[in-house]
C-alpha atoms as a PDB file:
ATOM      1  CA  MET A   1      57.010 406.675 101.537  1.00  0.00           C
ATOM      2  CA  ASP A   2      59.432 408.042  99.054  1.00  0.00           C
ATOM      3  CA  ILE A   3      59.269 411.928  99.875  1.00  0.00           C
ATOM      4  CA  ARG A   4      61.775 413.167  97.291  1.00  0.00           C
ATOM      5  CA  ARG A   5      59.125 411.236  94.798  1.00  0.00           C
ATOM      6  CA  ARG A   6      56.172 412.476  96.133  1.00  0.00           C
ATOM      7  CA  ASN A   7      57.454 416.136  96.459  1.00  0.00           C
ATOM      8  CA  ASN A   8      59.651 416.380  93.626  1.00  0.00           C
ATOM      9  CA  VAL A   9      62.411 417.413  95.878  1.00  0.00           C
ATOM     10  CA  THR A  10      65.706 419.101  94.115  1.00  0.00           C
ATOM     11  CA  VAL A  11      68.920 419.669  96.021  1.00  0.00           C
ATOM     12  CA  THR A  12      71.721 421.435  94.661  1.00  0.00           C
ATOM     13  CA  GLY A  13      74.405 424.167  95.655  1.00  0.00           C
ATOM     14  CA  ARG A  14      77.164 423.569  98.148  1.00  0.00           C
ATOM     15  CA  ALA A  15      76.801 420.329  99.683  1.00  0.00           C
ATOM     16  CA  ASP A  16      78.596 421.733 103.116  1.00  0.00           C
ATOM     17  CA  GLY A  17      76.617 425.121 102.903  1.00  0.00           C
ATOM     18  CA  PRO A  18      73.766 426.287 105.342  1.00  0.00           C
ATOM     19  CA  VAL A  19      70.551 424.855 104.124  1.00  0.00           C
ATOM     20  CA  LEU A  20      68.081 427.103 102.591  1.00  0.00           C
ATOM     21  CA  LEU A  21      64.722 425.507 101.761  1.00  0.00           C
ATOM     22  CA  LEU A  22      62.448 427.224  98.886  1.00  0.00           C
ATOM     23  CA  ALA A  23      58.990 426.804  99.153  1.00  0.00           C
ATOM     24  CA  HIS A  24      56.973 428.062  96.359  1.00  0.00           C
ATOM     25  CA  GLY A  25      53.619 429.959  96.363  1.00  0.00           C
ATOM     26  CA  PHE A  26      49.855 429.207  95.252  1.00  0.00           C
ATOM     27  CA  GLY A  27      49.806 428.031  91.399  1.00  0.00           C
ATOM     28  CA  CYS A  28      53.738 427.738  91.284  1.00  0.00           C
ATOM     29  CA  ASP A  29      56.046 425.257  91.486  1.00  0.00           C
ATOM     30  CA  GLN A  30      59.602 425.204  92.480  1.00  0.00           C
ATOM     31  CA  ASN A  31      60.994 426.447  89.090  1.00  0.00           C
ATOM     32  CA  MET A  32      59.422 429.759  90.551  1.00  0.00           C
ATOM     33  CA  TRP A  33      62.938 429.971  91.939  1.00  0.00           C
ATOM     34  CA  ARG A  34      64.850 428.827  88.965  1.00  0.00           C
ATOM     35  CA  LEU A  35      66.337 432.874  88.542  1.00  0.00           C
ATOM     36  CA  VAL A  36      67.719 433.083  92.006  1.00  0.00           C
ATOM     37  CA  VAL A  37      69.042 429.413  92.664  1.00  0.00           C
ATOM     38  CA  PRO A  38      72.222 429.666  90.765  1.00  0.00           C
ATOM     39  CA  LEU A  39      73.212 433.025  92.459  1.00  0.00           C
ATOM     40  CA  LEU A  40      72.186 431.223  96.163  1.00  0.00           C
ATOM     41  CA  ALA A  41      74.003 427.767  95.202  1.00  0.00           C
ATOM     42  CA  GLU A  42      77.449 429.658  95.203  1.00  0.00           C
ATOM     43  CA  ASP A  43      77.004 429.720  98.879  1.00  0.00           C
ATOM     44  CA  PHE A  44      74.282 427.441 100.105  1.00  0.00           C
ATOM     45  CA  ARG A  45      72.947 423.917 100.156  1.00  0.00           C
ATOM     46  CA  VAL A  46      69.526 425.056  98.195  1.00  0.00           C
ATOM     47  CA  VAL A  47      66.631 422.538  98.150  1.00  0.00           C
ATOM     48  CA  LEU A  48      63.646 422.908  96.690  1.00  0.00           C
ATOM     49  CA  PHE A  49      60.045 420.881  96.615  1.00  0.00           C
ATOM     50  CA  ASP A  50      56.797 420.950  94.818  1.00  0.00           C
ATOM     51  CA  TYR A  51      53.663 420.625  97.192  1.00  0.00           C
ATOM     52  CA  VAL A  52      51.594 417.745  96.784  1.00  0.00           C
ATOM     53  CA  GLY A  53      49.150 419.166  94.066  1.00  0.00           C
ATOM     54  CA  SER A  54      51.465 421.379  92.553  1.00  0.00           C
ATOM     55  CA  GLY A  55      54.617 421.183  89.896  1.00  0.00           C
ATOM     56  CA  ARG A  56      55.548 417.600  89.166  1.00  0.00           C
ATOM     57  CA  ALA A  57      54.579 416.279  92.891  1.00  0.00           C
ATOM     58  CA  ASP A  58      52.762 412.896  93.042  1.00  0.00           C
ATOM     59  CA  PRO A  59      49.110 413.813  92.672  1.00  0.00           C
ATOM     60  CA  ALA A  60      48.308 410.467  93.768  1.00  0.00           C
ATOM     61  CA  ALA A  61      49.018 411.724  97.383  1.00  0.00           C
ATOM     62  CA  TRP A  62      46.862 414.613  97.360  1.00  0.00           C
ATOM     63  CA  SER A  63      43.557 414.924  99.520  1.00  0.00           C
ATOM     64  CA  GLU A  64      41.299 417.342  99.737  1.00  0.00           C
ATOM     65  CA  GLN A  65      41.306 417.064 103.514  1.00  0.00           C
ATOM     66  CA  ARG A  66      44.483 417.881 104.288  1.00  0.00           C
ATOM     67  CA  TYR A  67      45.270 420.574 101.793  1.00  0.00           C
ATOM     68  CA  SER A  68      41.985 422.641 102.782  1.00  0.00           C
ATOM     69  CA  SER A  69      44.298 423.564 105.657  1.00  0.00           C
ATOM     70  CA  LEU A  70      47.483 425.438 105.710  1.00  0.00           C
ATOM     71  CA  GLU A  71      48.642 423.062 108.110  1.00  0.00           C
ATOM     72  CA  GLY A  72      48.283 420.413 105.579  1.00  0.00           C
ATOM     73  CA  TYR A  73      51.256 422.427 103.558  1.00  0.00           C
ATOM     74  CA  ALA A  74      53.108 423.051 106.806  1.00  0.00           C
ATOM     75  CA  LEU A  75      53.520 418.970 107.082  1.00  0.00           C
ATOM     76  CA  ASP A  76      54.498 418.903 103.290  1.00  0.00           C
ATOM     77  CA  VAL A  77      57.656 421.096 104.483  1.00  0.00           C
ATOM     78  CA  LEU A  78      57.938 418.990 107.850  1.00  0.00           C
ATOM     79  CA  GLU A  79      57.639 415.877 106.340  1.00  0.00           C
ATOM     80  CA  VAL A  80      60.822 416.941 103.343  1.00  0.00           C
ATOM     81  CA  CYS A  81      62.511 418.514 106.221  1.00  0.00           C
ATOM     82  CA  GLU A  82      62.491 414.784 108.325  1.00  0.00           C
ATOM     83  CA  GLY A  83      62.940 412.753 105.120  1.00  0.00           C
ATOM     84  CA  LEU A  84      66.172 414.902 104.176  1.00  0.00           C
ATOM     85  CA  ASP A  85      67.145 415.068 107.760  1.00  0.00           C
ATOM     86  CA  LEU A  86      67.292 419.473 107.113  1.00  0.00           C
ATOM     87  CA  ARG A  87      68.054 420.707 110.499  1.00  0.00           C
ATOM     88  CA  ASP A  88      69.538 425.081 110.808  1.00  0.00           C
ATOM     89  CA  VAL A  89      67.028 425.312 108.169  1.00  0.00           C
ATOM     90  CA  THR A  90      66.225 428.869 106.497  1.00  0.00           C
ATOM     91  CA  PHE A  91      63.224 428.948 105.644  1.00  0.00           C
ATOM     92  CA  VAL A  92      62.220 430.996 102.245  1.00  0.00           C
ATOM     93  CA  GLY A  93      58.868 431.100 101.455  1.00  0.00           C
ATOM     94  CA  HIS A  94      56.900 433.012  98.653  1.00  0.00           C
ATOM     95  CA  SER A  95      53.629 434.526  99.307  1.00  0.00           C
ATOM     96  CA  VAL A  96      51.416 432.038 101.128  1.00  0.00           C
ATOM     97  CA  SER A  97      54.170 429.617 101.833  1.00  0.00           C
ATOM     98  CA  ALA A  98      55.664 432.584 104.035  1.00  0.00           C
ATOM     99  CA  THR A  99      52.731 431.369 106.433  1.00  0.00           C
ATOM    100  CA  VAL A 100      53.352 428.233 105.741  1.00  0.00           C
ATOM    101  CA  GLY A 101      56.722 428.532 107.419  1.00  0.00           C
ATOM    102  CA  VAL A 102      55.702 430.259 110.007  1.00  0.00           C
ATOM    103  CA  LEU A 103      53.394 427.098 111.085  1.00  0.00           C
ATOM    104  CA  ALA A 104      56.449 424.674 109.967  1.00  0.00           C
ATOM    105  CA  ALA A 105      58.826 426.402 112.262  1.00  0.00           C
ATOM    106  CA  ALA A 106      55.985 426.295 115.357  1.00  0.00           C
ATOM    107  CA  ARG A 107      55.572 422.690 115.091  1.00  0.00           C
ATOM    108  CA  ALA A 108      59.384 422.117 114.889  1.00  0.00           C
ATOM    109  CA  PRO A 109      61.578 424.703 116.356  1.00  0.00           C
ATOM    110  CA  GLN A 110      64.192 422.519 116.392  1.00  0.00           C
ATOM    111  CA  ARG A 111      64.853 422.609 112.304  1.00  0.00           C
ATOM    112  CA  PHE A 112      64.540 425.856 112.084  1.00  0.00           C
ATOM    113  CA  ALA A 113      67.222 428.265 112.428  1.00  0.00           C
ATOM    114  CA  ARG A 114      65.726 431.552 110.220  1.00  0.00           C
ATOM    115  CA  LEU A 115      62.754 432.767 108.260  1.00  0.00           C
ATOM    116  CA  VAL A 116      62.335 435.024 104.911  1.00  0.00           C
ATOM    117  CA  MET A 117      59.081 435.821 104.316  1.00  0.00           C
ATOM    118  CA  VAL A 118      58.879 436.908 100.009  1.00  0.00           C
ATOM    119  CA  THR A 119      56.042 439.038  99.954  1.00  0.00           C
ATOM    120  CA  PRO A 120      53.732 437.348 102.881  1.00  0.00           C
ATOM    121  CA  SER A 121      50.116 438.080 103.734  1.00  0.00           C
ATOM    122  CA  PRO A 122      48.994 436.565 106.649  1.00  0.00           C
ATOM    123  CA  CYS A 123      45.161 437.683 105.782  1.00  0.00           C
ATOM    124  CA  TYR A 124      43.997 439.111 102.592  1.00  0.00           C
ATOM    125  CA  ILE A 125      40.903 440.412 103.495  1.00  0.00           C
ATOM    126  CA  ASP A 126      40.539 444.179 105.527  1.00  0.00           C
ATOM    127  CA  GLU A 127      39.024 444.561 108.487  1.00  0.00           C
ATOM    128  CA  ASP A 128      39.021 447.703 110.760  1.00  0.00           C
ATOM    129  CA  GLY A 129      42.584 448.272 111.443  1.00  0.00           C
ATOM    130  CA  TYR A 130      43.787 445.997 108.981  1.00  0.00           C
ATOM    131  CA  ARG A 131      44.358 446.220 105.374  1.00  0.00           C
ATOM    132  CA  GLY A 132      44.958 442.939 103.717  1.00  0.00           C
ATOM    133  CA  GLY A 133      44.413 444.558 100.269  1.00  0.00           C
ATOM    134  CA  PHE A 134      41.243 442.638  99.398  1.00  0.00           C
ATOM    135  CA  SER A 135      37.498 443.454 100.843  1.00  0.00           C
ATOM    136  CA  ALA A 136      35.453 440.222 101.456  1.00  0.00           C
ATOM    137  CA  ASP A 137      33.082 440.504  98.346  1.00  0.00           C
ATOM    138  CA  ASP A 138      36.641 441.048  96.153  1.00  0.00           C
ATOM    139  CA  ILE A 139      37.926 437.506  97.242  1.00  0.00           C
ATOM    140  CA  GLY A 140      34.387 435.948  97.073  1.00  0.00           C
ATOM    141  CA  GLU A 141      34.033 437.382  93.660  1.00  0.00           C
ATOM    142  CA  LEU A 142      37.527 435.959  92.750  1.00  0.00           C
ATOM    143  CA  LEU A 143      37.338 432.447  94.047  1.00  0.00           C
ATOM    144  CA  GLU A 144      33.931 432.252  92.193  1.00  0.00           C
ATOM    145  CA  SER A 145      35.894 433.444  89.182  1.00  0.00           C
ATOM    146  CA  LEU A 146      38.836 430.946  89.595  1.00  0.00           C
ATOM    147  CA  GLU A 147      36.211 428.392  90.260  1.00  0.00           C
ATOM    148  CA  SER A 148      33.770 428.661  87.130  1.00  0.00           C
ATOM    149  CA  ASN A 149      36.672 428.970  84.823  1.00  0.00           C
ATOM    150  CA  TYR A 150      39.794 428.373  86.230  1.00  0.00           C
ATOM    151  CA  LEU A 151      41.718 428.607  82.889  1.00  0.00           C
ATOM    152  CA  GLY A 152      39.963 431.811  81.892  1.00  0.00           C
ATOM    153  CA  TRP A 153      40.920 433.145  85.829  1.00  0.00           C
ATOM    154  CA  SER A 154      44.449 432.236  85.077  1.00  0.00           C
ATOM    155  CA  ALA A 155      45.415 434.246  81.793  1.00  0.00           C
ATOM    156  CA  THR A 156      43.398 437.628  83.457  1.00  0.00           C
ATOM    157  CA  MET A 157      44.920 437.272  86.676  1.00  0.00           C
ATOM    158  CA  ALA A 158      48.396 436.109  86.269  1.00  0.00           C
ATOM    159  CA  PRO A 159      49.724 439.127  84.456  1.00  0.00           C
ATOM    160  CA  VAL A 160      48.032 441.173  87.207  1.00  0.00           C
ATOM    161  CA  ILE A 161      49.524 439.489  89.767  1.00  0.00           C
ATOM    162  CA  MET A 162      52.995 439.551  88.163  1.00  0.00           C
ATOM    163  CA  GLY A 163      52.943 443.310  87.562  1.00  0.00           C
ATOM    164  CA  ASN A 164      55.700 444.410  85.513  1.00  0.00           C
ATOM    165  CA  GLY A 165      53.784 445.110  82.353  1.00  0.00           C
ATOM    166  CA  ASP A 166      56.357 446.057  80.535  1.00  0.00           C
ATOM    167  CA  ARG A 167      57.713 442.670  80.689  1.00  0.00           C
ATOM    168  CA  PRO A 168      54.775 440.438  79.467  1.00  0.00           C
ATOM    169  CA  GLU A 169      56.956 437.337  79.165  1.00  0.00           C
ATOM    170  CA  LEU A 170      56.975 437.466  83.280  1.00  0.00           C
ATOM    171  CA  GLY A 171      52.876 437.403  83.239  1.00  0.00           C
ATOM    172  CA  GLN A 172      53.265 434.522  80.925  1.00  0.00           C
ATOM    173  CA  GLU A 173      55.236 432.607  82.366  1.00  0.00           C
ATOM    174  CA  LEU A 174      53.007 432.862  85.468  1.00  0.00           C
ATOM    175  CA  THR A 175      49.837 432.263  83.173  1.00  0.00           C
ATOM    176  CA  ASN A 176      51.552 429.115  81.924  1.00  0.00           C
ATOM    177  CA  SER A 177      52.232 427.847  85.916  1.00  0.00           C
ATOM    178  CA  PHE A 178      48.765 428.403  86.970  1.00  0.00           C
ATOM    179  CA  CYS A 179      47.429 426.399  83.930  1.00  0.00           C
ATOM    180  CA  ALA A 180      49.645 423.945  84.531  1.00  0.00           C
ATOM    181  CA  THR A 181      47.981 423.211  87.909  1.00  0.00           C
ATOM    182  CA  ASP A 182      45.249 420.810  88.175  1.00  0.00           C
ATOM    183  CA  PRO A 183      42.287 422.442  88.225  1.00  0.00           C
ATOM    184  CA  ASP A 184      40.729 420.675  90.998  1.00  0.00           C
ATOM    185  CA  MET A 185      43.405 420.703  93.193  1.00  0.00           C
ATOM    186  CA  ALA A 186      44.094 424.401  92.576  1.00  0.00           C
ATOM    187  CA  ARG A 187      40.537 425.510  93.545  1.00  0.00           C
ATOM    188  CA  VAL A 188      41.191 423.897  97.008  1.00  0.00           C
ATOM    189  CA  PHE A 189      44.801 425.471  97.662  1.00  0.00           C
ATOM    190  CA  ALA A 190      43.312 428.816  96.369  1.00  0.00           C
ATOM    191  CA  ARG A 191      40.286 428.771  99.085  1.00  0.00           C
ATOM    192  CA  THR A 192      43.223 427.646 101.657  1.00  0.00           C
ATOM    193  CA  THR A 193      45.145 430.575 100.491  1.00  0.00           C
ATOM    194  CA  PHE A 194      42.611 433.461 100.303  1.00  0.00           C
ATOM    195  CA  LEU A 195      40.482 432.499 102.931  1.00  0.00           C
ATOM    196  CA  SER A 196      43.339 432.292 105.745  1.00  0.00           C
ATOM    197  CA  ASP A 197      43.857 434.279 108.717  1.00  0.00           C
ATOM    198  CA  SER A 198      47.201 433.532 110.287  1.00  0.00           C
ATOM    199  CA  ARG A 199      48.021 436.693 112.066  1.00  0.00           C
ATOM    200  CA  ALA A 200      47.664 435.184 115.518  1.00  0.00           C
ATOM    201  CA  ASP A 201      50.373 433.218 114.456  1.00  0.00           C
ATOM    202  CA  LEU A 202      53.123 435.609 113.671  1.00  0.00           C
ATOM    203  CA  LYS A 203      53.316 435.586 117.516  1.00  0.00           C
ATOM    204  CA  THR A 204      54.980 432.643 117.500  1.00  0.00           C
ATOM    205  CA  VAL A 205      57.900 433.094 115.256  1.00  0.00           C
ATOM    206  CA  ALA A 206      60.891 432.934 117.551  1.00  0.00           C
ATOM    207  CA  VAL A 207      63.961 432.639 115.066  1.00  0.00           C
ATOM    208  CA  PRO A 208      65.454 435.472 113.109  1.00  0.00           C
ATOM    209  CA  THR A 209      63.382 436.508 110.329  1.00  0.00           C
ATOM    210  CA  LEU A 210      63.466 438.735 107.099  1.00  0.00           C
ATOM    211  CA  VAL A 211      60.298 440.413 105.585  1.00  0.00           C
ATOM    212  CA  LEU A 212      60.743 441.031 101.821  1.00  0.00           C
ATOM    213  CA  GLU A 213      58.246 443.118 100.184  1.00  0.00           C
ATOM    214  CA  CYS A 214      58.124 445.340  96.819  1.00  0.00           C
ATOM    215  CA  THR A 215      57.540 448.832  96.241  1.00  0.00           C
ATOM    216  CA  GLN A 216      54.093 447.920  94.335  1.00  0.00           C
ATOM    217  CA  ASP A 217      52.324 444.951  95.125  1.00  0.00           C
ATOM    218  CA  VAL A 218      48.386 444.221  94.139  1.00  0.00           C
ATOM    219  CA  ILE A 219      48.357 441.040  95.975  1.00  0.00           C
ATOM    220  CA  ALA A 220      50.673 441.856  99.230  1.00  0.00           C
ATOM    221  CA  PRO A 221      50.554 445.799  99.752  1.00  0.00           C
ATOM    222  CA  ARG A 222      53.226 447.570 101.838  1.00  0.00           C
ATOM    223  CA  GLU A 223      50.638 447.996 104.299  1.00  0.00           C
ATOM    224  CA  VAL A 224      50.866 443.751 105.176  1.00  0.00           C
ATOM    225  CA  GLY A 225      54.568 443.941 105.172  1.00  0.00           C
ATOM    226  CA  ALA A 226      54.723 446.551 107.930  1.00  0.00           C
ATOM    227  CA  TYR A 227      51.832 444.591 109.722  1.00  0.00           C
ATOM    228  CA  VAL A 228      54.120 441.474 109.416  1.00  0.00           C
ATOM    229  CA  HIS A 229      57.234 443.306 110.564  1.00  0.00           C
ATOM    230  CA  ASP A 230      55.561 444.777 113.309  1.00  0.00           C
ATOM    231  CA  ALA A 231      53.826 441.643 114.648  1.00  0.00           C
ATOM    232  CA  ILE A 232      57.338 439.697 114.672  1.00  0.00           C
ATOM    233  CA  PRO A 233      59.668 441.154 117.173  1.00  0.00           C
ATOM    234  CA  GLY A 234      63.082 441.821 115.510  1.00  0.00           C
ATOM    235  CA  SER A 235      62.561 441.029 112.407  1.00  0.00           C
ATOM    236  CA  ARG A 236      64.230 442.864 109.339  1.00  0.00           C
ATOM    237  CA  LEU A 237      61.926 444.413 106.963  1.00  0.00           C
ATOM    238  CA  VAL A 238      63.045 444.958 103.624  1.00  0.00           C
ATOM    239  CA  THR A 239      61.594 446.802 100.803  1.00  0.00           C
ATOM    240  CA  LEU A 240      62.790 445.669  97.345  1.00  0.00           C
ATOM    241  CA  GLU A 241      63.237 448.191  94.412  1.00  0.00           C
ATOM    242  CA  ALA A 242      60.599 445.790  92.199  1.00  0.00           C
ATOM    243  CA  THR A 243      56.938 446.056  91.244  1.00  0.00           C
ATOM    244  CA  GLY A 244      54.797 442.786  91.345  1.00  0.00           C
ATOM    245  CA  HIS A 245      54.257 440.047  93.692  1.00  0.00           C
ATOM    246  CA  CYS A 246      57.168 437.737  92.116  1.00  0.00           C
ATOM    247  CA  PRO A 247      60.625 439.151  93.028  1.00  0.00           C
ATOM    248  CA  GLN A 248      62.353 436.007  92.187  1.00  0.00           C
ATOM    249  CA  LEU A 249      61.140 436.330  88.928  1.00  0.00           C
ATOM    250  CA  SER A 250      60.913 440.496  88.573  1.00  0.00           C
ATOM    251  CA  ALA A 251      64.008 440.884  90.241  1.00  0.00           C
ATOM    252  CA  PRO A 252      66.129 438.193  90.977  1.00  0.00           C
ATOM    253  CA  GLN A 253      69.559 439.871  91.822  1.00  0.00           C
ATOM    254  CA  ALA A 254      67.783 441.928  94.540  1.00  0.00           C
ATOM    255  CA  THR A 255      65.956 439.247  95.877  1.00  0.00           C
ATOM    256  CA  ALA A 256      69.213 436.495  96.761  1.00  0.00           C
ATOM    257  CA  GLU A 257      70.961 439.365  97.724  1.00  0.00           C
ATOM    258  CA  ALA A 258      68.640 440.530 100.259  1.00  0.00           C
ATOM    259  CA  VAL A 259      68.752 436.842 101.496  1.00  0.00           C
ATOM    260  CA  THR A 260      72.592 436.721 101.561  1.00  0.00           C
ATOM    261  CA  ASP A 261      72.946 440.197 103.490  1.00  0.00           C
ATOM    262  CA  PHE A 262      70.459 438.683 106.087  1.00  0.00           C
ATOM    263  CA  LEU A 263      72.426 435.412 106.365  1.00  0.00           C
ATOM    264  CA  GLY A 264      75.676 437.742 106.978  1.00  0.00           C
ATOM    265  CA  VAL A 265      77.103 436.156 103.661  1.00  0.00           C
ATOM    266  CA  ALA A 266      79.852 438.018 102.699  1.00  0.00           C
ATOM    267  CA  ARG A 267      80.404 438.469  98.468  1.00  0.00           C
END
């Protein structure tokens, strides 16, 4: 199997630099990182990919059974690492991919040196003593709307998720990304994302971890960032002066600086 083709792998930056593996979230692809990549490529070997079912990954490799679990996405990560023989990897995961990185590191700890969790949420549904940001009814309605009219849902929700109403081009970009995703594959990824509960997996993290949150984020409120930080001993929590769920687009300089600072790179 040609992993590079299957997952549309791109490698850039310093060939001899420390490895950063950037993983996109639901409804997105590696293009979501394009504004931070030039900033990171000065010091790092940057590896990007698309999950099967997203972007320009090979759709023939998609399986509903595999991608109905976050473990299926973690397998994509591990197979990219194995295919390129990546070691001492700093995994940078956006949104649900932050949790995917936790799962991948637990399965193959020898490959991962650090985790960067960008606007993570291990569970989106509120429970007693935990605020995920949504009630069970909220998530049910969200998924029902997505499944009945994916394109309409995308046009409505993407600007909300992105935030930054004064910069409508950002919301439009996320809308375009959502709309470019195959609706049937997106429905599976959405259910896998919004119905997952990976809080118990956070205790498996045994590598230095950076948790990045934004000052305002309708998908991952700050209570979630605090929860993830508290659940991972020794982790570092950084609140970016940014709004919305995608700081790699809305605040790329601050996002890149937080990553390089965490990794001890002098600029």
